């Protein structure tokens, strides 16, 4: 199992997050800070809701995830 497909950094963009969620087929990611510390989760539902609220795919994961 490649854990890289289950983790994303809080300063990565939402487009990358969607790509990773699509690869891992589980609908979520673990969000890490720059020190590789777990700070929360991000689901495909979180991203959908943020897009409805006019967040862009270029925005950072840290603006959307459950941190």
PDB file of N, CA and C in Angstrom:
ATOM      1  N   UNK A   1       0.842  -1.172   0.000  1.00  0.00           N
ATOM      2  CA  UNK A   1       0.000   0.000   0.000  1.00  0.00           C
ATOM      3  C   UNK A   1       0.895   1.246   0.000  1.00  0.00           C
ATOM      4  N   UNK A   2       0.561   2.197  -0.848  1.00  0.00           N
ATOM      5  CA  UNK A   2       1.317   3.448  -0.936  1.00  0.00           C
ATOM      6  C   UNK A   2       0.638   4.504  -0.067  1.00  0.00           C
ATOM      7  N   UNK A   3       1.223   4.825   1.074  1.00  0.00           N
ATOM      8  CA  UNK A   3       0.617   5.794   1.993  1.00  0.00           C
ATOM      9  C   UNK A   3       0.571   7.199   1.423  1.00  0.00           C
ATOM     10  N   UNK A   4       1.394   7.477   0.415  1.00  0.00           N
ATOM     11  CA  UNK A   4       1.384   8.796  -0.221  1.00  0.00           C
ATOM     12  C   UNK A   4       0.009   9.108  -0.803  1.00  0.00           C
ATOM     13  N   UNK A   5      -0.717   8.092  -1.227  1.00  0.00           N
ATOM     14  CA  UNK A   5      -2.055   8.295  -1.778  1.00  0.00           C
ATOM     15  C   UNK A   5      -3.110   8.558  -0.700  1.00  0.00           C
ATOM     16  N   UNK A   6      -2.724   8.496   0.557  1.00  0.00           N
ATOM     17  CA  UNK A   6      -3.647   8.730   1.665  1.00  0.00           C
ATOM     18  C   UNK A   6      -3.317   9.988   2.464  1.00  0.00           C
ATOM     19  N   UNK A   7      -2.231  10.670   2.117  1.00  0.00           N
ATOM     20  CA  UNK A   7      -1.788  11.846   2.867  1.00  0.00           C
ATOM     21  C   UNK A   7      -1.641  13.046   1.945  1.00  0.00           C
ATOM     22  N   UNK A   8      -1.893  14.225   2.512  1.00  0.00           N
ATOM     23  CA  UNK A   8      -1.706  15.469   1.775  1.00  0.00           C
ATOM     24  C   UNK A   8      -1.292  16.538   2.779  1.00  0.00           C
ATOM     25  N   UNK A   9      -0.532  17.506   2.311  1.00  0.00           N
ATOM     26  CA  UNK A   9      -0.117  18.610   3.179  1.00  0.00           C
ATOM     27  C   UNK A   9      -1.151  19.722   3.142  1.00  0.00           C
ATOM     28  N   UNK A  10      -1.249  20.439   4.256  1.00  0.00           N
ATOM     29  CA  UNK A  10      -2.262  21.494   4.368  1.00  0.00           C
ATOM     30  C   UNK A  10      -2.070  22.630   3.374  1.00  0.00           C
ATOM     31  N   UNK A  11      -0.858  22.775   2.817  1.00  0.00           N
ATOM     32  CA  UNK A  11      -0.639  23.841   1.838  1.00  0.00           C
ATOM     33  C   UNK A  11      -0.704  23.350   0.386  1.00  0.00           C
ATOM     34  N   UNK A  12      -1.034  22.058   0.184  1.00  0.00           N
ATOM     35  CA  UNK A  12      -1.278  21.550  -1.169  1.00  0.00           C
ATOM     36  C   UNK A  12      -2.645  22.036  -1.652  1.00  0.00           C
ATOM     37  N   UNK A  13      -2.854  22.009  -2.961  1.00  0.00           N
ATOM     38  CA  UNK A  13      -4.134  22.513  -3.476  1.00  0.00           C
ATOM     39  C   UNK A  13      -5.187  21.413  -3.555  1.00  0.00           C
ATOM     40  N   UNK A  14      -6.431  21.853  -3.695  1.00  0.00           N
ATOM     41  CA  UNK A  14      -7.556  20.930  -3.706  1.00  0.00           C
ATOM     42  C   UNK A  14      -7.572  20.035  -4.944  1.00  0.00           C
ATOM     43  N   UNK A  15      -7.024  20.498  -6.043  1.00  0.00           N
ATOM     44  CA  UNK A  15      -6.966  19.663  -7.247  1.00  0.00           C
ATOM     45  C   UNK A  15      -6.123  18.423  -6.979  1.00  0.00           C
ATOM     46  N   UNK A  16      -4.972  18.613  -6.353  1.00  0.00           N
ATOM     47  CA  UNK A  16      -4.126  17.478  -5.992  1.00  0.00           C
ATOM     48  C   UNK A  16      -4.861  16.545  -5.031  1.00  0.00           C
ATOM     49  N   UNK A  17      -5.597  17.129  -4.097  1.00  0.00           N
ATOM     50  CA  UNK A  17      -6.357  16.326  -3.139  1.00  0.00           C
ATOM     51  C   UNK A  17      -7.365  15.435  -3.867  1.00  0.00           C
ATOM     52  N   UNK A  18      -8.087  16.000  -4.827  1.00  0.00           N
ATOM     53  CA  UNK A  18      -9.050  15.202  -5.586  1.00  0.00           C
ATOM     54  C   UNK A  18      -8.366  14.082  -6.358  1.00  0.00           C
ATOM     55  N   UNK A  19      -7.213  14.362  -6.921  1.00  0.00           N
ATOM     56  CA  UNK A  19      -6.470  13.338  -7.654  1.00  0.00           C
ATOM     57  C   UNK A  19      -6.066  12.187  -6.734  1.00  0.00           C
ATOM     58  N   UNK A  20      -5.608  12.525  -5.523  1.00  0.00           N
ATOM     59  CA  UNK A  20      -5.209  11.490  -4.568  1.00  0.00           C
ATOM     60  C   UNK A  20      -6.404  10.691  -4.073  1.00  0.00           C
ATOM     61  N   UNK A  21      -7.521  11.370  -3.810  1.00  0.00           N
ATOM     62  CA  UNK A  21      -8.732  10.674  -3.370  1.00  0.00           C
ATOM     63  C   UNK A  21      -9.200   9.713  -4.464  1.00  0.00           C
ATOM     64  N   UNK A  22      -9.109  10.142  -5.708  1.00  0.00           N
ATOM     65  CA  UNK A  22      -9.499   9.280  -6.824  1.00  0.00           C
ATOM     66  C   UNK A  22      -8.594   8.049  -6.897  1.00  0.00           C
ATOM     67  N   UNK A  23      -7.302   8.231  -6.641  1.00  0.00           N
ATOM     68  CA  UNK A  23      -6.359   7.110  -6.685  1.00  0.00           C
ATOM     69  C   UNK A  23      -6.585   6.114  -5.555  1.00  0.00           C
ATOM     70  N   UNK A  24      -6.844   6.638  -4.345  1.00  0.00           N
ATOM     71  CA  UNK A  24      -6.939   5.710  -3.212  1.00  0.00           C
ATOM     72  C   UNK A  24      -8.306   5.042  -3.082  1.00  0.00           C
ATOM     73  N   UNK A  25      -9.309   5.560  -3.762  1.00  0.00           N
ATOM     74  CA  UNK A  25     -10.648   4.949  -3.828  1.00  0.00           C
ATOM     75  C   UNK A  25     -11.339   4.819  -2.465  1.00  0.00           C
ATOM     76  N   UNK A  26     -10.905   5.609  -1.458  1.00  0.00           N
ATOM     77  CA  UNK A  26     -11.531   5.535  -0.138  1.00  0.00           C
ATOM     78  C   UNK A  26     -12.251   6.815   0.257  1.00  0.00           C
ATOM     79  N   UNK A  27     -12.116   7.881  -0.521  1.00  0.00           N
ATOM     80  CA  UNK A  27     -12.894   9.094  -0.283  1.00  0.00           C
ATOM     81  C   UNK A  27     -12.361  10.020   0.796  1.00  0.00           C
ATOM     82  N   UNK A  28     -11.145   9.816   1.251  1.00  0.00           N
ATOM     83  CA  UNK A  28     -10.586  10.692   2.283  1.00  0.00           C
ATOM     84  C   UNK A  28      -9.071  10.770   2.174  1.00  0.00           C
ATOM     85  N   UNK A  29      -8.524  11.794   2.825  1.00  0.00           N
ATOM     86  CA  UNK A  29      -7.079  11.952   2.971  1.00  0.00           C
ATOM     87  C   UNK A  29      -6.765  12.360   4.399  1.00  0.00           C
ATOM     88  N   UNK A  30      -5.570  12.057   4.830  1.00  0.00           N
ATOM     89  CA  UNK A  30      -5.060  12.517   6.120  1.00  0.00           C
ATOM     90  C   UNK A  30      -4.240  13.772   5.834  1.00  0.00           C
ATOM     91  N   UNK A  31      -4.551  14.854   6.536  1.00  0.00           N
ATOM     92  CA  UNK A  31      -3.881  16.136   6.308  1.00  0.00           C
ATOM     93  C   UNK A  31      -2.719  16.279   7.280  1.00  0.00           C
ATOM     94  N   UNK A  32      -1.550  16.614   6.718  1.00  0.00           N
ATOM     95  CA  UNK A  32      -0.324  16.800   7.490  1.00  0.00           C
ATOM     96  C   UNK A  32       0.130  18.252   7.406  1.00  0.00           C
ATOM     97  N   UNK A  33       0.820  18.721   8.458  1.00  0.00           N
ATOM     98  CA  UNK A  33       1.434  20.049   8.370  1.00  0.00           C
ATOM     99  C   UNK A  33       2.860  19.902   7.847  1.00  0.00           C
ATOM    100  N   UNK A  34       3.586  20.994   7.781  1.00  0.00           N
ATOM    101  CA  UNK A  34       4.940  20.965   7.204  1.00  0.00           C
ATOM    102  C   UNK A  34       5.911  20.118   8.028  1.00  0.00           C
ATOM    103  N   UNK A  35       5.572  19.820   9.281  1.00  0.00           N
ATOM    104  CA  UNK A  35       6.398  18.956  10.136  1.00  0.00           C
ATOM    105  C   UNK A  35       5.983  17.494  10.054  1.00  0.00           C
ATOM    106  N   UNK A  36       5.103  17.176   9.104  1.00  0.00           N
ATOM    107  CA  UNK A  36       4.571  15.831   8.900  1.00  0.00           C
ATOM    108  C   UNK A  36       3.748  15.335  10.081  1.00  0.00           C
ATOM    109  N   UNK A  37       3.164  16.274  10.823  1.00  0.00           N
ATOM    110  CA  UNK A  37       2.280  15.942  11.936  1.00  0.00           C
ATOM    111  C   UNK A  37       0.837  15.900  11.426  1.00  0.00           C
ATOM    112  N   UNK A  38       0.086  14.886  11.831  1.00  0.00           N
ATOM    113  CA  UNK A  38      -1.317  14.776  11.433  1.00  0.00           C
ATOM    114  C   UNK A  38      -2.112  15.903  12.089  1.00  0.00           C
ATOM    115  N   UNK A  39      -2.825  16.671  11.266  1.00  0.00           N
ATOM    116  CA  UNK A  39      -3.613  17.786  11.808  1.00  0.00           C
ATOM    117  C   UNK A  39      -5.097  17.671  11.470  1.00  0.00           C
ATOM    118  N   UNK A  40      -5.479  16.650  10.696  1.00  0.00           N
ATOM    119  CA  UNK A  40      -6.892  16.492  10.390  1.00  0.00           C
ATOM    120  C   UNK A  40      -7.140  15.568   9.216  1.00  0.00           C
ATOM    121  N   UNK A  41      -8.362  15.662   8.689  1.00  0.00           N
ATOM    122  CA  UNK A  41      -8.772  14.844   7.554  1.00  0.00           C
ATOM    123  C   UNK A  41      -9.433  15.717   6.493  1.00  0.00           C
ATOM    124  N   UNK A  42      -9.538  15.175   5.309  1.00  0.00           N
ATOM    125  CA  UNK A  42     -10.213  15.837   4.202  1.00  0.00           C
ATOM    126  C   UNK A  42     -10.969  14.767   3.436  1.00  0.00           C
ATOM    127  N   UNK A  43     -12.262  14.990   3.204  1.00  0.00           N
ATOM    128  CA  UNK A  43     -13.073  14.027   2.458  1.00  0.00           C
ATOM    129  C   UNK A  43     -13.506  14.626   1.134  1.00  0.00           C
ATOM    130  N   UNK A  44     -13.974  13.760   0.250  1.00  0.00           N
ATOM    131  CA  UNK A  44     -14.499  14.258  -1.014  1.00  0.00           C
ATOM    132  C   UNK A  44     -15.716  15.148  -0.774  1.00  0.00           C
ATOM    133  N   UNK A  45     -16.492  14.864   0.258  1.00  0.00           N
ATOM    134  CA  UNK A  45     -17.633  15.701   0.619  1.00  0.00           C
ATOM    135  C   UNK A  45     -17.211  17.094   1.075  1.00  0.00           C
ATOM    136  N   UNK A  46     -16.114  17.177   1.815  1.00  0.00           N
ATOM    137  CA  UNK A  46     -15.588  18.488   2.226  1.00  0.00           C
ATOM    138  C   UNK A  46     -15.266  19.339   1.003  1.00  0.00           C
ATOM    139  N   UNK A  47     -14.662  18.714   0.015  1.00  0.00           N
ATOM    140  CA  UNK A  47     -14.288  19.447  -1.199  1.00  0.00           C
ATOM    141  C   UNK A  47     -15.527  19.872  -1.975  1.00  0.00           C
ATOM    142  N   UNK A  48     -16.502  18.976  -2.114  1.00  0.00           N
ATOM    143  CA  UNK A  48     -17.749  19.328  -2.818  1.00  0.00           C
ATOM    144  C   UNK A  48     -18.438  20.505  -2.161  1.00  0.00           C
ATOM    145  N   UNK A  49     -18.563  20.465  -0.836  1.00  0.00           N
ATOM    146  CA  UNK A  49     -19.223  21.561  -0.117  1.00  0.00           C
ATOM    147  C   UNK A  49     -18.469  22.875  -0.279  1.00  0.00           C
ATOM    148  N   UNK A  50     -17.147  22.811  -0.286  1.00  0.00           N
ATOM    149  CA  UNK A  50     -16.360  24.036  -0.440  1.00  0.00           C
ATOM    150  C   UNK A  50     -16.514  24.613  -1.838  1.00  0.00           C
ATOM    151  N   UNK A  51     -16.624  23.763  -2.844  1.00  0.00           N
ATOM    152  CA  UNK A  51     -16.818  24.256  -4.209  1.00  0.00           C
ATOM    153  C   UNK A  51     -18.160  24.958  -4.355  1.00  0.00           C
ATOM    154  N   UNK A  52     -19.179  24.447  -3.682  1.00  0.00           N
ATOM    155  CA  UNK A  52     -20.486  25.108  -3.680  1.00  0.00           C
ATOM    156  C   UNK A  52     -20.370  26.499  -3.063  1.00  0.00           C
ATOM    157  N   UNK A  53     -19.484  26.629  -2.064  1.00  0.00           N
ATOM    158  CA  UNK A  53     -19.272  27.910  -1.383  1.00  0.00           C
ATOM    159  C   UNK A  53     -18.189  28.748  -2.042  1.00  0.00           C
ATOM    160  N   UNK A  54     -17.905  28.451  -3.307  1.00  0.00           N
ATOM    161  CA  UNK A  54     -17.030  29.252  -4.161  1.00  0.00           C
ATOM    162  C   UNK A  54     -15.546  29.200  -3.815  1.00  0.00           C
ATOM    163  N   UNK A  55     -15.111  28.129  -3.181  1.00  0.00           N
ATOM    164  CA  UNK A  55     -13.678  27.877  -3.020  1.00  0.00           C
ATOM    165  C   UNK A  55     -13.180  27.329  -4.357  1.00  0.00           C
ATOM    166  N   UNK A  56     -11.965  27.656  -4.744  1.00  0.00           N
ATOM    167  CA  UNK A  56     -11.400  27.228  -6.019  1.00  0.00           C
ATOM    168  C   UNK A  56     -10.523  25.988  -5.845  1.00  0.00           C
ATOM    169  N   UNK A  57     -10.361  25.211  -6.898  1.00  0.00           N
ATOM    170  CA  UNK A  57      -9.494  24.030  -6.846  1.00  0.00           C
ATOM    171  C   UNK A  57      -8.039  24.396  -6.608  1.00  0.00           C
ATOM    172  N   UNK A  58      -7.688  25.628  -6.866  1.00  0.00           N
ATOM    173  CA  UNK A  58      -6.312  26.082  -6.627  1.00  0.00           C
ATOM    174  C   UNK A  58      -6.086  26.499  -5.166  1.00  0.00           C
ATOM    175  N   UNK A  59      -7.151  26.573  -4.370  1.00  0.00           N
ATOM    176  CA  UNK A  59      -7.017  26.948  -2.958  1.00  0.00           C
ATOM    177  C   UNK A  59      -6.396  25.799  -2.157  1.00  0.00           C
ATOM    178  N   UNK A  60      -5.872  26.145  -0.993  1.00  0.00           N
ATOM    179  CA  UNK A  60      -5.154  25.172  -0.166  1.00  0.00           C
ATOM    180  C   UNK A  60      -6.095  24.270   0.625  1.00  0.00           C
ATOM    181  N   UNK A  61      -5.653  23.054   0.830  1.00  0.00           N
ATOM    182  CA  UNK A  61      -6.385  22.063   1.613  1.00  0.00           C
ATOM    183  C   UNK A  61      -6.711  22.597   3.012  1.00  0.00           C
ATOM    184  N   UNK A  62      -5.796  23.364   3.586  1.00  0.00           N
ATOM    185  CA  UNK A  62      -5.978  23.902   4.935  1.00  0.00           C
ATOM    186  C   UNK A  62      -7.192  24.799   5.079  1.00  0.00           C
ATOM    187  N   UNK A  63      -7.726  25.285   3.971  1.00  0.00           N
ATOM    188  CA  UNK A  63      -8.923  26.135   4.013  1.00  0.00           C
ATOM    189  C   UNK A  63     -10.194  25.311   4.080  1.00  0.00           C
ATOM    190  N   UNK A  64     -10.090  24.017   3.834  1.00  0.00           N
ATOM    191  CA  UNK A  64     -11.284  23.187   3.662  1.00  0.00           C
ATOM    192  C   UNK A  64     -11.354  22.008   4.639  1.00  0.00           C
ATOM    193  N   UNK A  65     -10.253  21.385   4.935  1.00  0.00           N
ATOM    194  CA  UNK A  65     -10.241  20.145   5.713  1.00  0.00           C
ATOM    195  C   UNK A  65     -10.749  20.315   7.135  1.00  0.00           C
ATOM    196  N   UNK A  66     -11.001  19.183   7.766  1.00  0.00           N
ATOM    197  CA  UNK A  66     -11.401  19.146   9.177  1.00  0.00           C
ATOM    198  C   UNK A  66     -10.149  19.161  10.036  1.00  0.00           C
ATOM    199  N   UNK A  67      -9.660  20.377  10.271  1.00  0.00           N
ATOM    200  CA  UNK A  67      -8.377  20.535  10.964  1.00  0.00           C
ATOM    201  C   UNK A  67      -8.581  20.997  12.388  1.00  0.00           C
TER     202      UNK A  67
END
